[in-house]
Amino acid sequence: MSHHEEQQENLSHEELKYREHMKRAADLCKIDLFLTAKSEYELALTYRPGDAEATAKAEQCLQNISRDRKKVLVIVPIVLAIIIAVILFA
C-alpha cells in the first residue's frame, strides 16, 4: 500500500469529500468550465463550511464567469454585424 493510500485511510469522510470536490473544481477550472467549478467549490464548502480557500476560489469562478459574459456581449454584436454586412453586400 502506498503512502498516499495510507494517508487517505486516516481521513474522515468529510475531508475525503472536501478534497474530492476541490480536485474536481480545479480540474474544471483548467478547462474554463467556471460555472460547474463554482458548484463544486460550493459542494466542498458543505463539508468544510467557511473554508477560505474554497470560498475564494468560488468567488474567482464568479469573476471569470462575469468576464466571459462581457466578452460575449462584445463579440456577438460584432459577429452579427459582419454576417448582416455579408448578406447585404453579397
Protein backbone atom coordinates (compact mmCIF):
# COMPACT_ATOMS: atom_id res chain seq x y z
CA MET A 1 0.00 0.00 0.00
CA SER A 2 1.42 3.40 -0.93
CA HIS A 3 1.98 6.23 1.49
CA HIS A 4 -0.73 8.26 -0.28
CA GLU A 5 -3.29 5.49 0.23
CA GLU A 6 -2.37 5.21 3.91
CA GLN A 7 -2.91 8.95 4.34
CA GLN A 8 -6.31 8.69 2.61
CA GLU A 9 -7.40 5.93 5.01
CA ASN A 10 -6.82 8.21 8.01
CA LEU A 11 -9.03 10.99 6.68
CA SER A 12 -12.63 11.46 7.72
CA HIS A 13 -15.44 11.05 5.22
CA GLU A 14 -15.97 14.82 5.24
CA GLU A 15 -12.30 15.51 4.47
CA LEU A 16 -12.26 12.97 1.65
CA LYS A 17 -15.38 14.51 0.08
CA TYR A 18 -13.98 18.03 0.54
CA ARG A 19 -10.77 17.07 -1.26
CA GLU A 20 -12.71 15.26 -3.99
CA HIS A 21 -14.82 18.35 -4.74
CA MET A 22 -11.80 20.68 -4.58
CA LYS A 23 -9.87 18.49 -7.03
CA ARG A 24 -12.83 18.22 -9.40
CA ALA A 25 -13.33 22.00 -9.26
CA ALA A 26 -9.66 22.67 -10.00
CA ASP A 27 -9.81 20.31 -12.99
CA LEU A 28 -12.92 22.08 -14.28
CA CYS A 29 -11.24 25.48 -13.95
CA LYS A 30 -8.35 24.24 -16.09
CA ILE A 31 -10.80 23.77 -18.97
CA ASP A 32 -12.69 27.01 -18.28
CA LEU A 33 -15.89 25.39 -17.00
CA PHE A 34 -16.25 28.00 -14.29
CA LEU A 35 -19.97 27.61 -13.55
CA THR A 36 -19.61 23.90 -12.84
CA ALA A 37 -16.37 24.51 -10.93
CA LYS A 38 -18.15 27.08 -8.76
CA SER A 39 -20.77 24.44 -7.93
CA GLU A 40 -18.01 22.01 -6.93
CA TYR A 41 -16.40 24.61 -4.66
CA GLU A 42 -19.80 25.21 -3.08
CA LEU A 43 -20.17 21.46 -2.52
CA ALA A 44 -16.72 21.43 -0.90
CA LEU A 45 -17.97 24.13 1.45
CA THR A 46 -20.74 21.82 2.65
CA TYR A 47 -18.02 19.54 4.04
CA ARG A 48 -15.83 22.35 5.38
CA PRO A 49 -18.09 25.37 5.97
CA GLY A 50 -16.38 28.74 5.85
CA ASP A 51 -13.21 27.36 4.25
CA ALA A 52 -11.22 30.35 2.98
CA GLU A 53 -9.70 28.51 0.00
CA ALA A 54 -12.98 27.13 -1.35
CA THR A 55 -14.72 30.46 -0.76
CA ALA A 56 -12.00 32.43 -2.57
CA LYS A 57 -11.92 30.02 -5.48
CA ALA A 58 -15.72 30.08 -5.84
CA GLU A 59 -15.51 33.89 -5.93
CA GLN A 60 -12.78 33.70 -8.58
CA CYS A 61 -15.08 31.48 -10.65
CA LEU A 62 -17.79 34.16 -10.41
CA GLN A 63 -15.32 36.78 -11.61
CA ASN A 64 -14.31 34.56 -14.53
CA ILE A 65 -17.95 33.94 -15.44
CA SER A 66 -18.62 37.68 -15.40
CA ARG A 67 -15.52 38.36 -17.53
CA ASP A 68 -16.56 35.74 -20.07
CA ARG A 69 -20.10 37.12 -20.29
CA LYS A 70 -18.72 40.58 -21.03
CA LYS A 71 -16.59 39.13 -23.82
CA VAL A 72 -19.66 37.51 -25.34
CA LEU A 73 -21.59 40.78 -25.14
CA VAL A 74 -18.82 42.46 -27.14
CA ILE A 75 -18.13 39.71 -29.67
CA VAL A 76 -21.68 38.63 -30.57
CA PRO A 77 -22.80 42.03 -31.93
CA ILE A 78 -19.61 42.27 -34.00
CA VAL A 79 -20.17 38.82 -35.49
CA LEU A 80 -23.82 39.64 -36.20
CA ALA A 81 -22.82 42.90 -37.90
CA ILE A 82 -20.36 41.04 -40.11
CA ILE A 83 -22.98 38.44 -41.05
CA ILE A 84 -25.52 41.16 -41.89
CA ALA A 85 -22.94 43.07 -43.93
CA VAL A 86 -22.06 39.92 -45.89
CA ILE A 87 -25.76 39.22 -46.56
CA LEU A 88 -26.50 42.80 -47.63
CA PHE A 89 -23.49 43.19 -49.86
CA ALA A 90 -23.35 39.71 -51.35
